[in-house]
């Protein structure tokens, strides 16, 4: 496991989502080698902060950068 701080990880995830049109929890988990549970919590923080949006498409939650 890396010595990356939570703040650095959040910034990297923000940058990743900003470059994509939309991403699922699984996309982010694979990109950063995290569990989907941890990824869901991190994305929940970003949604709560108003930085990203989320919409449900069938069984998948899709996250996108708020413009």
PDB file of N, CA and C in Angstrom:
ATOM      1  N   UNK A   1       0.841  -1.177   0.000  1.00  0.00           N
ATOM      2  CA  UNK A   1       0.000   0.000   0.000  1.00  0.00           C
ATOM      3  C   UNK A   1       0.886   1.239   0.000  1.00  0.00           C
ATOM      4  N   UNK A   2       0.458   2.251  -0.748  1.00  0.00           N
ATOM      5  CA  UNK A   2       1.286   3.444  -0.874  1.00  0.00           C
ATOM      6  C   UNK A   2       1.136   4.336   0.356  1.00  0.00           C
ATOM      7  N   UNK A   3       2.033   5.283   0.476  1.00  0.00           N
ATOM      8  CA  UNK A   3       1.997   6.242   1.574  1.00  0.00           C
ATOM      9  C   UNK A   3       1.228   7.504   1.197  1.00  0.00           C
ATOM     10  N   UNK A   4       0.417   7.403   0.157  1.00  0.00           N
ATOM     11  CA  UNK A   4      -0.356   8.541  -0.328  1.00  0.00           C
ATOM     12  C   UNK A   4      -1.388   8.967   0.718  1.00  0.00           C
ATOM     13  N   UNK A   5      -1.494  10.259   0.945  1.00  0.00           N
ATOM     14  CA  UNK A   5      -2.467  10.753   1.912  1.00  0.00           C
ATOM     15  C   UNK A   5      -3.852  10.769   1.292  1.00  0.00           C
ATOM     16  N   UNK A   6      -4.861  10.847   2.138  1.00  0.00           N
ATOM     17  CA  UNK A   6      -6.243  10.891   1.671  1.00  0.00           C
ATOM     18  C   UNK A   6      -6.476  12.091   0.774  1.00  0.00           C
ATOM     19  N   UNK A   7      -5.892  13.228   1.127  1.00  0.00           N
ATOM     20  CA  UNK A   7      -6.067  14.447   0.335  1.00  0.00           C
ATOM     21  C   UNK A   7      -5.502  14.271  -1.068  1.00  0.00           C
ATOM     22  N   UNK A   8      -4.332  13.637  -1.170  1.00  0.00           N
ATOM     23  CA  UNK A   8      -3.719  13.406  -2.479  1.00  0.00           C
ATOM     24  C   UNK A   8      -4.577  12.462  -3.308  1.00  0.00           C
ATOM     25  N   UNK A   9      -5.110  11.422  -2.682  1.00  0.00           N
ATOM     26  CA  UNK A   9      -5.955  10.471  -3.382  1.00  0.00           C
ATOM     27  C   UNK A   9      -7.235  11.137  -3.879  1.00  0.00           C
ATOM     28  N   UNK A  10      -7.860  11.952  -3.038  1.00  0.00           N
ATOM     29  CA  UNK A  10      -9.072  12.663  -3.435  1.00  0.00           C
ATOM     30  C   UNK A  10      -8.778  13.556  -4.639  1.00  0.00           C
ATOM     31  N   UNK A  11      -7.657  14.253  -4.622  1.00  0.00           N
ATOM     32  CA  UNK A  11      -7.284  15.132  -5.734  1.00  0.00           C
ATOM     33  C   UNK A  11      -7.080  14.330  -7.014  1.00  0.00           C
ATOM     34  N   UNK A  12      -6.438  13.180  -6.918  1.00  0.00           N
ATOM     35  CA  UNK A  12      -6.216  12.338  -8.096  1.00  0.00           C
ATOM     36  C   UNK A  12      -7.539  11.822  -8.647  1.00  0.00           C
ATOM     37  N   UNK A  13      -8.467  11.438  -7.761  1.00  0.00           N
ATOM     38  CA  UNK A  13      -9.782  10.962  -8.200  1.00  0.00           C
ATOM     39  C   UNK A  13     -10.556  12.105  -8.853  1.00  0.00           C
ATOM     40  N   UNK A  14     -10.500  13.297  -8.257  1.00  0.00           N
ATOM     41  CA  UNK A  14     -11.158  14.471  -8.858  1.00  0.00           C
ATOM     42  C   UNK A  14     -10.622  14.713 -10.270  1.00  0.00           C
ATOM     43  N   UNK A  15      -9.311  14.683 -10.432  1.00  0.00           N
ATOM     44  CA  UNK A  15      -8.696  14.896 -11.742  1.00  0.00           C
ATOM     45  C   UNK A  15      -9.144  13.838 -12.740  1.00  0.00           C
ATOM     46  N   UNK A  16      -9.226  12.585 -12.292  1.00  0.00           N
ATOM     47  CA  UNK A  16      -9.657  11.489 -13.161  1.00  0.00           C
ATOM     48  C   UNK A  16     -11.094  11.704 -13.620  1.00  0.00           C
ATOM     49  N   UNK A  17     -11.977  12.031 -12.695  1.00  0.00           N
ATOM     50  CA  UNK A  17     -13.389  12.233 -13.046  1.00  0.00           C
ATOM     51  C   UNK A  17     -13.534  13.448 -13.958  1.00  0.00           C
ATOM     52  N   UNK A  18     -12.738  14.476 -13.715  1.00  0.00           N
ATOM     53  CA  UNK A  18     -12.799  15.698 -14.523  1.00  0.00           C
ATOM     54  C   UNK A  18     -12.449  15.412 -15.985  1.00  0.00           C
ATOM     55  N   UNK A  19     -11.591  14.439 -16.237  1.00  0.00           N
ATOM     56  CA  UNK A  19     -11.175  14.129 -17.610  1.00  0.00           C
ATOM     57  C   UNK A  19     -12.117  13.158 -18.314  1.00  0.00           C
ATOM     58  N   UNK A  20     -13.039  12.548 -17.577  1.00  0.00           N
ATOM     59  CA  UNK A  20     -13.972  11.574 -18.150  1.00  0.00           C
ATOM     60  C   UNK A  20     -15.357  12.192 -18.291  1.00  0.00           C
ATOM     61  N   UNK A  21     -16.142  11.684 -19.223  1.00  0.00           N
ATOM     62  CA  UNK A  21     -17.513  12.170 -19.362  1.00  0.00           C
ATOM     63  C   UNK A  21     -18.357  11.669 -18.201  1.00  0.00           C
ATOM     64  N   UNK A  22     -18.227  10.391 -17.896  1.00  0.00           N
ATOM     65  CA  UNK A  22     -18.914   9.803 -16.744  1.00  0.00           C
ATOM     66  C   UNK A  22     -18.189   8.525 -16.345  1.00  0.00           C
ATOM     67  N   UNK A  23     -18.216   8.200 -15.056  1.00  0.00           N
ATOM     68  CA  UNK A  23     -17.535   7.010 -14.555  1.00  0.00           C
ATOM     69  C   UNK A  23     -18.416   6.302 -13.543  1.00  0.00           C
ATOM     70  N   UNK A  24     -18.235   4.998 -13.459  1.00  0.00           N
ATOM     71  CA  UNK A  24     -18.935   4.216 -12.446  1.00  0.00           C
ATOM     72  C   UNK A  24     -18.002   4.008 -11.248  1.00  0.00           C
ATOM     73  N   UNK A  25     -18.567   3.511 -10.181  1.00  0.00           N
ATOM     74  CA  UNK A  25     -17.762   3.197  -8.994  1.00  0.00           C
ATOM     75  C   UNK A  25     -16.682   2.194  -9.374  1.00  0.00           C
ATOM     76  N   UNK A  26     -17.051   1.222 -10.186  1.00  0.00           N
ATOM     77  CA  UNK A  26     -16.103   0.186 -10.583  1.00  0.00           C
ATOM     78  C   UNK A  26     -14.961   0.769 -11.420  1.00  0.00           C
ATOM     79  N   UNK A  27     -15.251   1.729 -12.288  1.00  0.00           N
ATOM     80  CA  UNK A  27     -14.195   2.373 -13.088  1.00  0.00           C
ATOM     81  C   UNK A  27     -13.144   3.021 -12.187  1.00  0.00           C
ATOM     82  N   UNK A  28     -13.606   3.761 -11.187  1.00  0.00           N
ATOM     83  CA  UNK A  28     -12.697   4.453 -10.276  1.00  0.00           C
ATOM     84  C   UNK A  28     -11.926   3.439  -9.427  1.00  0.00           C
ATOM     85  N   UNK A  29     -12.616   2.411  -8.950  1.00  0.00           N
ATOM     86  CA  UNK A  29     -11.964   1.387  -8.123  1.00  0.00           C
ATOM     87  C   UNK A  29     -10.838   0.701  -8.895  1.00  0.00           C
ATOM     88  N   UNK A  30     -11.076   0.372 -10.149  1.00  0.00           N
ATOM     89  CA  UNK A  30     -10.042  -0.274 -10.968  1.00  0.00           C
ATOM     90  C   UNK A  30      -8.874   0.673 -11.228  1.00  0.00           C
ATOM     91  N   UNK A  31      -9.180   1.930 -11.556  1.00  0.00           N
ATOM     92  CA  UNK A  31      -8.143   2.911 -11.890  1.00  0.00           C
ATOM     93  C   UNK A  31      -7.181   3.131 -10.722  1.00  0.00           C
ATOM     94  N   UNK A  32      -7.713   3.139  -9.486  1.00  0.00           N
ATOM     95  CA  UNK A  32      -6.894   3.463  -8.324  1.00  0.00           C
ATOM     96  C   UNK A  32      -6.641   2.262  -7.416  1.00  0.00           C
ATOM     97  N   UNK A  33      -6.999   1.073  -7.889  1.00  0.00           N
ATOM     98  CA  UNK A  33      -6.742  -0.168  -7.155  1.00  0.00           C
ATOM     99  C   UNK A  33      -7.284  -0.102  -5.723  1.00  0.00           C
ATOM    100  N   UNK A  34      -8.561   0.294  -5.611  1.00  0.00           N
ATOM    101  CA  UNK A  34      -9.233   0.389  -4.313  1.00  0.00           C
ATOM    102  C   UNK A  34     -10.439  -0.546  -4.318  1.00  0.00           C
ATOM    103  N   UNK A  35     -10.932  -0.848  -3.140  1.00  0.00           N
ATOM    104  CA  UNK A  35     -12.162  -1.623  -3.058  1.00  0.00           C
ATOM    105  C   UNK A  35     -13.331  -0.740  -3.486  1.00  0.00           C
ATOM    106  N   UNK A  36     -14.396  -1.366  -3.963  1.00  0.00           N
ATOM    107  CA  UNK A  36     -15.573  -0.588  -4.346  1.00  0.00           C
ATOM    108  C   UNK A  36     -16.197   0.070  -3.126  1.00  0.00           C
ATOM    109  N   UNK A  37     -16.079  -0.555  -1.964  1.00  0.00           N
ATOM    110  CA  UNK A  37     -16.624   0.019  -0.726  1.00  0.00           C
ATOM    111  C   UNK A  37     -15.924   1.341  -0.402  1.00  0.00           C
ATOM    112  N   UNK A  38     -14.603   1.341  -0.448  1.00  0.00           N
ATOM    113  CA  UNK A  38     -13.832   2.567  -0.170  1.00  0.00           C
ATOM    114  C   UNK A  38     -14.096   3.626  -1.243  1.00  0.00           C
ATOM    115  N   UNK A  39     -14.175   3.177  -2.489  1.00  0.00           N
ATOM    116  CA  UNK A  39     -14.450   4.086  -3.595  1.00  0.00           C
ATOM    117  C   UNK A  39     -15.809   4.750  -3.429  1.00  0.00           C
ATOM    118  N   UNK A  40     -16.815   3.984  -3.034  1.00  0.00           N
ATOM    119  CA  UNK A  40     -18.151   4.524  -2.828  1.00  0.00           C
ATOM    120  C   UNK A  40     -18.139   5.613  -1.756  1.00  0.00           C
ATOM    121  N   UNK A  41     -17.400   5.414  -0.692  1.00  0.00           N
ATOM    122  CA  UNK A  41     -17.296   6.412   0.362  1.00  0.00           C
ATOM    123  C   UNK A  41     -16.620   7.682  -0.117  1.00  0.00           C
ATOM    124  N   UNK A  42     -15.545   7.517  -0.873  1.00  0.00           N
ATOM    125  CA  UNK A  42     -14.822   8.671  -1.400  1.00  0.00           C
ATOM    126  C   UNK A  42     -15.699   9.459  -2.369  1.00  0.00           C
ATOM    127  N   UNK A  43     -16.402   8.761  -3.260  1.00  0.00           N
ATOM    128  CA  UNK A  43     -17.283   9.446  -4.201  1.00  0.00           C
ATOM    129  C   UNK A  43     -18.450  10.111  -3.477  1.00  0.00           C
ATOM    130  N   UNK A  44     -18.916   9.495  -2.411  1.00  0.00           N
ATOM    131  CA  UNK A  44     -19.975  10.091  -1.600  1.00  0.00           C
ATOM    132  C   UNK A  44     -19.542  11.413  -0.996  1.00  0.00           C
ATOM    133  N   UNK A  45     -18.297  11.490  -0.570  1.00  0.00           N
ATOM    134  CA  UNK A  45     -17.754  12.747  -0.036  1.00  0.00           C
ATOM    135  C   UNK A  45     -17.742  13.832  -1.114  1.00  0.00           C
ATOM    136  N   UNK A  46     -17.347  13.460  -2.320  1.00  0.00           N
ATOM    137  CA  UNK A  46     -17.285  14.426  -3.409  1.00  0.00           C
ATOM    138  C   UNK A  46     -18.678  14.885  -3.837  1.00  0.00           C
ATOM    139  N   UNK A  47     -19.652  13.970  -3.804  1.00  0.00           N
ATOM    140  CA  UNK A  47     -21.038  14.338  -4.105  1.00  0.00           C
ATOM    141  C   UNK A  47     -21.546  15.303  -3.041  1.00  0.00           C
ATOM    142  N   UNK A  48     -21.289  14.989  -1.776  1.00  0.00           N
ATOM    143  CA  UNK A  48     -21.709  15.845  -0.669  1.00  0.00           C
ATOM    144  C   UNK A  48     -21.081  17.228  -0.722  1.00  0.00           C
ATOM    145  N   UNK A  49     -19.862  17.307  -1.237  1.00  0.00           N
ATOM    146  CA  UNK A  49     -19.176  18.595  -1.364  1.00  0.00           C
ATOM    147  C   UNK A  49     -19.646  19.373  -2.583  1.00  0.00           C
ATOM    148  N   UNK A  50     -20.471  18.751  -3.415  1.00  0.00           N
ATOM    149  CA  UNK A  50     -20.999  19.416  -4.602  1.00  0.00           C
ATOM    150  C   UNK A  50     -20.032  19.464  -5.768  1.00  0.00           C
ATOM    151  N   UNK A  51     -18.961  18.681  -5.714  1.00  0.00           N
ATOM    152  CA  UNK A  51     -17.970  18.702  -6.789  1.00  0.00           C
ATOM    153  C   UNK A  51     -18.374  17.810  -7.954  1.00  0.00           C
ATOM    154  N   UNK A  52     -19.041  16.701  -7.661  1.00  0.00           N
ATOM    155  CA  UNK A  52     -19.477  15.797  -8.714  1.00  0.00           C
ATOM    156  C   UNK A  52     -20.966  15.511  -8.543  1.00  0.00           C
ATOM    157  N   UNK A  53     -21.578  15.080  -9.625  1.00  0.00           N
ATOM    158  CA  UNK A  53     -22.975  14.688  -9.589  1.00  0.00           C
ATOM    159  C   UNK A  53     -23.080  13.188  -9.762  1.00  0.00           C
ATOM    160  N   UNK A  54     -24.254  12.652  -9.479  1.00  0.00           N
ATOM    161  CA  UNK A  54     -24.472  11.224  -9.623  1.00  0.00           C
ATOM    162  C   UNK A  54     -25.877  10.994 -10.172  1.00  0.00           C
ATOM    163  N   UNK A  55     -25.974  10.001 -11.054  1.00  0.00           N
ATOM    164  CA  UNK A  55     -27.284   9.615 -11.553  1.00  0.00           C
ATOM    165  C   UNK A  55     -27.323   8.095 -11.636  1.00  0.00           C
ATOM    166  N   UNK A  56     -28.505   7.545 -11.475  1.00  0.00           N
ATOM    167  CA  UNK A  56     -28.702   6.101 -11.495  1.00  0.00           C
ATOM    168  C   UNK A  56     -29.103   5.698 -12.911  1.00  0.00           C
ATOM    169  N   UNK A  57     -28.377   4.783 -13.510  1.00  0.00           N
ATOM    170  CA  UNK A  57     -28.729   4.225 -14.819  1.00  0.00           C
ATOM    171  C   UNK A  57     -28.850   2.720 -14.623  1.00  0.00           C
ATOM    172  N   UNK A  58     -30.078   2.260 -14.467  1.00  0.00           N
ATOM    173  CA  UNK A  58     -30.304   0.856 -14.156  1.00  0.00           C
ATOM    174  C   UNK A  58     -29.673   0.533 -12.814  1.00  0.00           C
ATOM    175  N   UNK A  59     -28.873  -0.512 -12.757  1.00  0.00           N
ATOM    176  CA  UNK A  59     -28.249  -0.878 -11.476  1.00  0.00           C
ATOM    177  C   UNK A  59     -26.951  -0.131 -11.175  1.00  0.00           C
ATOM    178  N   UNK A  60     -26.535   0.765 -12.075  1.00  0.00           N
ATOM    179  CA  UNK A  60     -25.236   1.426 -11.953  1.00  0.00           C
ATOM    180  C   UNK A  60     -25.405   2.905 -11.583  1.00  0.00           C
ATOM    181  N   UNK A  61     -24.612   3.360 -10.618  1.00  0.00           N
ATOM    182  CA  UNK A  61     -24.528   4.789 -10.308  1.00  0.00           C
ATOM    183  C   UNK A  61     -23.398   5.365 -11.151  1.00  0.00           C
ATOM    184  N   UNK A  62     -23.725   6.390 -11.916  1.00  0.00           N
ATOM    185  CA  UNK A  62     -22.744   7.034 -12.785  1.00  0.00           C
ATOM    186  C   UNK A  62     -22.425   8.400 -12.207  1.00  0.00           C
ATOM    187  N   UNK A  63     -21.145   8.687 -12.072  1.00  0.00           N
ATOM    188  CA  UNK A  63     -20.680   9.956 -11.515  1.00  0.00           C
ATOM    189  C   UNK A  63     -20.111  10.805 -12.628  1.00  0.00           C
ATOM    190  N   UNK A  64     -20.289  12.117 -12.513  1.00  0.00           N
ATOM    191  CA  UNK A  64     -19.799  13.035 -13.533  1.00  0.00           C
ATOM    192  C   UNK A  64     -19.381  14.339 -12.861  1.00  0.00           C
ATOM    193  N   UNK A  65     -18.516  15.086 -13.538  1.00  0.00           N
ATOM    194  CA  UNK A  65     -18.021  16.357 -13.027  1.00  0.00           C
ATOM    195  C   UNK A  65     -19.103  17.400 -13.197  1.00  0.00           C
ATOM    196  N   UNK A  66     -19.403  18.142 -12.149  1.00  0.00           N
ATOM    197  CA  UNK A  66     -20.396  19.222 -12.254  1.00  0.00           C
ATOM    198  C   UNK A  66     -19.773  20.404 -12.958  1.00  0.00           C
ATOM    199  N   UNK A  67     -20.447  20.895 -13.965  1.00  0.00           N
ATOM    200  CA  UNK A  67     -19.925  22.023 -14.752  1.00  0.00           C
ATOM    201  C   UNK A  67     -20.437  23.314 -14.231  1.00  0.00           C
TER     202      UNK A  67
END
